[in-house]
Amino acid sequence: MDNDRVLVESTLKGDTESFSKLVLKYQDRVYSFLVKMTLSREDAEDILQDVFIKAYNNLYKYDKRWCFSTWLYSIAINTFKSHYKRKKRLNAMDCCEEIPHAPDRYTNPEITAEYNEQRAEIVRLIEELTLEQKTALVLKHIKGLSFKEIGHIMEISPEAAKMKVQRAKYTLCKKLDESRKRGVLNEM
């Protein structure tokens, strides 16, 4: 974390190599987050570029009281939201989701097919969450951020962040139960 602050200071003094080090350190993490949010590697790559361009252009706004990664995730969230709204406005939402394939350990084609069907259903159910619920859920349970960090990124209080995560989990569990009752999902 202190190293990040040193790299930020160096970048602000004109050392672009320092910013390259920050990009190398965080690009995989932010990309992984964006893939989970967009469900599209191509969209994630496009947004990732925008995130680092915005970070570079606004580096002087970075508040050293926060981790650099927290600041960067807030840029990623805002860039994702803009991208999402723009796509929605253009009515060009990509219905073709990236569904993870079954792990290699499944060699039985029937088990592989069932696994992929269940994963597709879970992804579909997550997509039905509100944008804020999905964001909070991914930040907490996939990225492992604290409620304080989530609150800062989403510009809400830590308590509100906790509530959004809880509501997202409740809504998702309810949808999973409904899906199981319809026979779409089996107990995993």
C-alpha atoms as a PDB file:
ATOM      1  CA  MET A   1       0.000   0.000   0.000  1.00  0.00           C
ATOM      2  CA  ASP A   2       2.797   2.455   0.888  1.00  0.00           C
ATOM      3  CA  ASN A   3       4.554   1.401  -2.305  1.00  0.00           C
ATOM      4  CA  ASP A   4       1.406   2.376  -4.227  1.00  0.00           C
ATOM      5  CA  ARG A   5       1.513   5.845  -2.693  1.00  0.00           C
ATOM      6  CA  VAL A   6       5.168   6.208  -3.707  1.00  0.00           C
ATOM      7  CA  LEU A   7       4.295   5.142  -7.260  1.00  0.00           C
ATOM      8  CA  VAL A   8       1.412   7.631  -7.354  1.00  0.00           C
ATOM      9  CA  GLU A   9       3.678  10.448  -6.154  1.00  0.00           C
ATOM     10  CA  SER A  10       6.316   9.527  -8.751  1.00  0.00           C
ATOM     11  CA  THR A  11       3.698   9.453 -11.497  1.00  0.00           C
ATOM     12  CA  LEU A  12       2.411  12.873 -10.472  1.00  0.00           C
ATOM     13  CA  LYS A  13       5.986  14.150 -10.803  1.00  0.00           C
ATOM     14  CA  GLY A  14       6.111  12.884 -14.396  1.00  0.00           C
ATOM     15  CA  ASP A  15       7.491   9.347 -14.038  1.00  0.00           C
ATOM     16  CA  THR A  16       5.178   7.377 -16.348  1.00  0.00           C
ATOM     17  CA  GLU A  17       7.075   4.162 -15.593  1.00  0.00           C
ATOM     18  CA  SER A  18       5.672   4.321 -12.058  1.00  0.00           C
ATOM     19  CA  PHE A  19       2.135   4.322 -13.413  1.00  0.00           C
ATOM     20  CA  SER A  20       3.018   1.345 -15.620  1.00  0.00           C
ATOM     21  CA  LYS A  21       3.970  -0.505 -12.431  1.00  0.00           C
ATOM     22  CA  LEU A  22       0.563   0.295 -10.919  1.00  0.00           C
ATOM     23  CA  VAL A  23      -1.151  -0.947 -14.080  1.00  0.00           C
ATOM     24  CA  LEU A  24       0.830  -4.197 -13.991  1.00  0.00           C
ATOM     25  CA  LYS A  25       0.011  -4.680 -10.328  1.00  0.00           C
ATOM     26  CA  TYR A  26      -3.750  -4.133 -10.639  1.00  0.00           C
ATOM     27  CA  GLN A  27      -4.801  -4.904 -14.207  1.00  0.00           C
ATOM     28  CA  ASP A  28      -5.513  -8.610 -13.598  1.00  0.00           C
ATOM     29  CA  ARG A  29      -7.558  -7.912 -10.462  1.00  0.00           C
ATOM     30  CA  VAL A  30      -9.631  -5.179 -12.067  1.00  0.00           C
ATOM     31  CA  TYR A  31     -10.055  -7.229 -15.253  1.00  0.00           C
ATOM     32  CA  SER A  32     -11.265 -10.219 -13.234  1.00  0.00           C
ATOM     33  CA  PHE A  33     -13.758  -7.992 -11.428  1.00  0.00           C
ATOM     34  CA  LEU A  34     -15.014  -6.505 -14.703  1.00  0.00           C
ATOM     35  CA  VAL A  35     -15.435  -9.929 -16.324  1.00  0.00           C
ATOM     36  CA  LYS A  36     -17.617 -10.942 -13.385  1.00  0.00           C
ATOM     37  CA  MET A  37     -19.653  -7.764 -13.712  1.00  0.00           C
ATOM     38  CA  THR A  38     -20.037  -7.712 -17.504  1.00  0.00           C
ATOM     39  CA  LEU A  39     -19.942 -11.468 -18.201  1.00  0.00           C
ATOM     40  CA  SER A  40     -18.050 -10.530 -21.347  1.00  0.00           C
ATOM     41  CA  ARG A  41     -14.290 -10.607 -21.798  1.00  0.00           C
ATOM     42  CA  GLU A  42     -14.465  -8.103 -24.664  1.00  0.00           C
ATOM     43  CA  ASP A  43     -16.517  -5.593 -22.674  1.00  0.00           C
ATOM     44  CA  ALA A  44     -14.234  -6.097 -19.674  1.00  0.00           C
ATOM     45  CA  GLU A  45     -11.163  -5.355 -21.821  1.00  0.00           C
ATOM     46  CA  ASP A  46     -12.745  -2.183 -23.210  1.00  0.00           C
ATOM     47  CA  ILE A  47     -13.783  -0.967 -19.776  1.00  0.00           C
ATOM     48  CA  LEU A  48     -10.386  -1.883 -18.302  1.00  0.00           C
ATOM     49  CA  GLN A  49      -8.655   0.437 -20.772  1.00  0.00           C
ATOM     50  CA  ASP A  50     -11.035   3.246 -19.857  1.00  0.00           C
ATOM     51  CA  VAL A  51     -10.473   2.612 -16.140  1.00  0.00           C
ATOM     52  CA  PHE A  52      -6.713   3.050 -16.378  1.00  0.00           C
ATOM     53  CA  ILE A  53      -7.007   6.066 -18.674  1.00  0.00           C
ATOM     54  CA  LYS A  54      -9.378   7.706 -16.165  1.00  0.00           C
ATOM     55  CA  ALA A  55      -7.113   6.725 -13.276  1.00  0.00           C
ATOM     56  CA  TYR A  56      -4.095   8.288 -14.986  1.00  0.00           C
ATOM     57  CA  ASN A  57      -5.959  11.465 -15.922  1.00  0.00           C
ATOM     58  CA  ASN A  58      -7.418  11.848 -12.420  1.00  0.00           C
ATOM     59  CA  LEU A  59      -4.497  10.645 -10.341  1.00  0.00           C
ATOM     60  CA  TYR A  60      -4.225  14.061  -8.708  1.00  0.00           C
ATOM     61  CA  LYS A  61      -7.677  13.384  -7.147  1.00  0.00           C
ATOM     62  CA  TYR A  62      -6.513  10.210  -5.402  1.00  0.00           C
ATOM     63  CA  ASP A  63      -7.096  10.503  -1.633  1.00  0.00           C
ATOM     64  CA  LYS A  64      -4.117   8.925   0.126  1.00  0.00           C
ATOM     65  CA  ARG A  65      -6.270   8.020   3.130  1.00  0.00           C
ATOM     66  CA  TRP A  66      -7.670   5.135   1.059  1.00  0.00           C
ATOM     67  CA  CYS A  67      -5.923   2.202  -0.534  1.00  0.00           C
ATOM     68  CA  PHE A  68      -5.083   2.821  -4.168  1.00  0.00           C
ATOM     69  CA  SER A  69      -6.994  -0.367  -5.044  1.00  0.00           C
ATOM     70  CA  THR A  70     -10.162   1.003  -3.405  1.00  0.00           C
ATOM     71  CA  TRP A  71      -9.892   4.191  -5.446  1.00  0.00           C
ATOM     72  CA  LEU A  72      -9.253   2.166  -8.601  1.00  0.00           C
ATOM     73  CA  TYR A  73     -12.262  -0.097  -7.960  1.00  0.00           C
ATOM     74  CA  SER A  74     -14.468   2.975  -7.544  1.00  0.00           C
ATOM     75  CA  ILE A  75     -13.331   4.138 -10.987  1.00  0.00           C
ATOM     76  CA  ALA A  76     -14.008   0.637 -12.337  1.00  0.00           C
ATOM     77  CA  ILE A  77     -17.522   0.629 -10.846  1.00  0.00           C
ATOM     78  CA  ASN A  78     -18.368   4.058 -12.234  1.00  0.00           C
ATOM     79  CA  THR A  79     -16.954   3.194 -15.653  1.00  0.00           C
ATOM     80  CA  PHE A  80     -18.888  -0.085 -15.648  1.00  0.00           C
ATOM     81  CA  LYS A  81     -22.100   1.759 -14.708  1.00  0.00           C
ATOM     82  CA  SER A  82     -21.604   4.249 -17.558  1.00  0.00           C
ATOM     83  CA  HIS A  83     -20.912   1.422 -19.980  1.00  0.00           C
ATOM     84  CA  TYR A  84     -23.940  -0.532 -18.742  1.00  0.00           C
ATOM     85  CA  LYS A  85     -26.262   2.480 -19.010  1.00  0.00           C
ATOM     86  CA  ARG A  86     -24.947   3.321 -22.486  1.00  0.00           C
ATOM     87  CA  LYS A  87     -25.508  -0.238 -23.688  1.00  0.00           C
ATOM     88  CA  LYS A  88     -28.966  -0.295 -22.148  1.00  0.00           C
ATOM     89  CA  ARG A  89     -29.830   3.049 -23.744  1.00  0.00           C
ATOM     90  CA  LEU A  90     -28.713   1.776 -27.125  1.00  0.00           C
ATOM     91  CA  ASN A  91     -30.773  -1.361 -26.492  1.00  0.00           C
ATOM     92  CA  ALA A  92     -27.786  -3.445 -27.464  1.00  0.00           C
ATOM     93  CA  MET A  93     -27.484  -5.652 -24.407  1.00  0.00           C
ATOM     94  CA  ASP A  94     -25.481  -8.737 -25.288  1.00  0.00           C
ATOM     95  CA  CYS A  95     -27.597 -11.755 -24.457  1.00  0.00           C
ATOM     96  CA  CYS A  96     -24.735 -14.076 -25.145  1.00  0.00           C
ATOM     97  CA  GLU A  97     -23.211 -14.611 -21.692  1.00  0.00           C
ATOM     98  CA  GLU A  98     -19.876 -16.213 -21.016  1.00  0.00           C
ATOM     99  CA  ILE A  99     -20.705 -19.349 -19.082  1.00  0.00           C
ATOM    100  CA  PRO A 100     -17.797 -21.074 -17.380  1.00  0.00           C
ATOM    101  CA  HIS A 101     -17.225 -24.593 -18.646  1.00  0.00           C
ATOM    102  CA  ALA A 102     -17.289 -27.606 -16.379  1.00  0.00           C
ATOM    103  CA  PRO A 103     -13.976 -28.336 -14.670  1.00  0.00           C
ATOM    104  CA  ASP A 104     -11.715 -30.851 -16.416  1.00  0.00           C
ATOM    105  CA  ARG A 105     -12.339 -33.379 -13.672  1.00  0.00           C
ATOM    106  CA  TYR A 106     -15.802 -33.993 -15.143  1.00  0.00           C
ATOM    107  CA  THR A 107     -15.221 -36.483 -17.925  1.00  0.00           C
ATOM    108  CA  ASN A 108     -18.777 -37.793 -18.101  1.00  0.00           C
ATOM    109  CA  PRO A 109     -20.586 -35.752 -20.787  1.00  0.00           C
ATOM    110  CA  GLU A 110     -23.902 -35.912 -18.904  1.00  0.00           C
ATOM    111  CA  ILE A 111     -22.349 -34.533 -15.715  1.00  0.00           C
ATOM    112  CA  THR A 112     -20.544 -31.844 -17.720  1.00  0.00           C
ATOM    113  CA  ALA A 113     -23.773 -30.809 -19.447  1.00  0.00           C
ATOM    114  CA  GLU A 114     -25.688 -30.692 -16.155  1.00  0.00           C
ATOM    115  CA  TYR A 115     -22.921 -28.668 -14.504  1.00  0.00           C
ATOM    116  CA  ASN A 116     -22.906 -26.148 -17.371  1.00  0.00           C
ATOM    117  CA  GLU A 117     -26.712 -25.862 -17.317  1.00  0.00           C
ATOM    118  CA  GLN A 118     -26.674 -25.147 -13.596  1.00  0.00           C
ATOM    119  CA  ARG A 119     -23.880 -22.590 -13.930  1.00  0.00           C
ATOM    120  CA  ALA A 120     -25.814 -20.880 -16.735  1.00  0.00           C
ATOM    121  CA  GLU A 121     -28.917 -20.709 -14.537  1.00  0.00           C
ATOM    122  CA  ILE A 122     -26.951 -19.241 -11.619  1.00  0.00           C
ATOM    123  CA  VAL A 123     -25.385 -16.616 -13.897  1.00  0.00           C
ATOM    124  CA  ARG A 124     -28.852 -15.785 -15.234  1.00  0.00           C
ATOM    125  CA  LEU A 125     -30.198 -15.379 -11.703  1.00  0.00           C
ATOM    126  CA  ILE A 126     -27.304 -13.120 -10.698  1.00  0.00           C
ATOM    127  CA  GLU A 127     -27.978 -11.000 -13.788  1.00  0.00           C
ATOM    128  CA  GLU A 128     -31.551 -10.482 -12.533  1.00  0.00           C
ATOM    129  CA  LEU A 129     -30.260  -8.668  -9.441  1.00  0.00           C
ATOM    130  CA  THR A 130     -30.266  -4.891  -9.518  1.00  0.00           C
ATOM    131  CA  LEU A 131     -27.006  -3.334 -10.653  1.00  0.00           C
ATOM    132  CA  GLU A 132     -26.268  -2.141  -7.104  1.00  0.00           C
ATOM    133  CA  GLN A 133     -27.012  -5.555  -5.571  1.00  0.00           C
ATOM    134  CA  LYS A 134     -24.839  -7.317  -8.136  1.00  0.00           C
ATOM    135  CA  THR A 135     -22.017  -4.818  -7.596  1.00  0.00           C
ATOM    136  CA  ALA A 136     -22.143  -5.154  -3.805  1.00  0.00           C
ATOM    137  CA  LEU A 137     -22.303  -8.960  -3.988  1.00  0.00           C
ATOM    138  CA  VAL A 138     -19.326  -9.232  -6.355  1.00  0.00           C
ATOM    139  CA  LEU A 139     -17.229  -6.771  -4.342  1.00  0.00           C
ATOM    140  CA  LYS A 140     -17.927  -8.609  -1.076  1.00  0.00           C
ATOM    141  CA  HIS A 141     -17.924 -12.278  -2.001  1.00  0.00           C
ATOM    142  CA  ILE A 142     -15.703 -12.416  -5.061  1.00  0.00           C
ATOM    143  CA  LYS A 143     -13.289  -9.565  -4.407  1.00  0.00           C
ATOM    144  CA  GLY A 144     -13.381  -9.944  -0.610  1.00  0.00           C
ATOM    145  CA  LEU A 145     -13.631  -6.237   0.167  1.00  0.00           C
ATOM    146  CA  SER A 146     -14.807  -4.913   3.525  1.00  0.00           C
ATOM    147  CA  PHE A 147     -18.137  -3.124   3.900  1.00  0.00           C
ATOM    148  CA  LYS A 148     -16.187   0.080   4.519  1.00  0.00           C
ATOM    149  CA  GLU A 149     -14.351  -0.310   1.195  1.00  0.00           C
ATOM    150  CA  ILE A 150     -17.563  -1.257  -0.624  1.00  0.00           C
ATOM    151  CA  GLY A 151     -19.280   1.781   0.870  1.00  0.00           C
ATOM    152  CA  HIS A 152     -16.484   4.052  -0.289  1.00  0.00           C
ATOM    153  CA  ILE A 153     -16.518   2.586  -3.803  1.00  0.00           C
ATOM    154  CA  MET A 154     -20.308   2.751  -4.118  1.00  0.00           C
ATOM    155  CA  GLU A 155     -20.466   6.133  -2.337  1.00  0.00           C
ATOM    156  CA  ILE A 156     -22.714   4.851   0.454  1.00  0.00           C
ATOM    157  CA  SER A 157     -22.191   4.180   4.153  1.00  0.00           C
ATOM    158  CA  PRO A 158     -20.653   0.865   5.284  1.00  0.00           C
ATOM    159  CA  GLU A 159     -24.017   0.008   6.859  1.00  0.00           C
ATOM    160  CA  ALA A 160     -25.812   0.611   3.560  1.00  0.00           C
ATOM    161  CA  ALA A 161     -23.196  -1.535   1.802  1.00  0.00           C
ATOM    162  CA  LYS A 162     -23.831  -4.346   4.270  1.00  0.00           C
ATOM    163  CA  MET A 163     -27.572  -4.033   3.705  1.00  0.00           C
ATOM    164  CA  LYS A 164     -27.143  -4.178  -0.089  1.00  0.00           C
ATOM    165  CA  VAL A 165     -25.057  -7.354   0.215  1.00  0.00           C
ATOM    166  CA  GLN A 166     -27.623  -8.910   2.553  1.00  0.00           C
ATOM    167  CA  ARG A 167     -30.511  -7.996   0.245  1.00  0.00           C
ATOM    168  CA  ALA A 168     -28.618  -9.353  -2.758  1.00  0.00           C
ATOM    169  CA  LYS A 169     -27.957 -12.638  -0.945  1.00  0.00           C
ATOM    170  CA  TYR A 170     -31.578 -12.870   0.190  1.00  0.00           C
ATOM    171  CA  THR A 171     -32.894 -12.151  -3.311  1.00  0.00           C
ATOM    172  CA  LEU A 172     -30.454 -14.586  -4.897  1.00  0.00           C
ATOM    173  CA  CYS A 173     -31.311 -17.344  -2.393  1.00  0.00           C
ATOM    174  CA  LYS A 174     -35.006 -16.788  -3.057  1.00  0.00           C
ATOM    175  CA  LYS A 175     -34.445 -17.026  -6.814  1.00  0.00           C
ATOM    176  CA  LEU A 176     -32.323 -20.169  -6.363  1.00  0.00           C
ATOM    177  CA  ASP A 177     -35.093 -21.786  -4.310  1.00  0.00           C
ATOM    178  CA  GLU A 178     -37.668 -20.919  -6.980  1.00  0.00           C
ATOM    179  CA  SER A 179     -35.383 -22.346  -9.642  1.00  0.00           C
ATOM    180  CA  ARG A 180     -34.949 -25.562  -7.644  1.00  0.00           C
ATOM    181  CA  LYS A 181     -38.718 -25.882  -7.223  1.00  0.00           C
ATOM    182  CA  ARG A 182     -39.124 -25.573 -10.990  1.00  0.00           C
ATOM    183  CA  GLY A 183     -36.524 -28.324 -11.373  1.00  0.00           C
ATOM    184  CA  VAL A 184     -34.050 -26.119 -13.217  1.00  0.00           C
ATOM    185  CA  LEU A 185     -31.432 -26.447 -10.475  1.00  0.00           C
ATOM    186  CA  ASN A 186     -30.457 -29.455  -8.402  1.00  0.00           C
ATOM    187  CA  GLU A 187     -28.883 -29.247  -4.955  1.00  0.00           C
ATOM    188  CA  MET A 188     -25.203 -28.551  -5.531  1.00  0.00           C
END
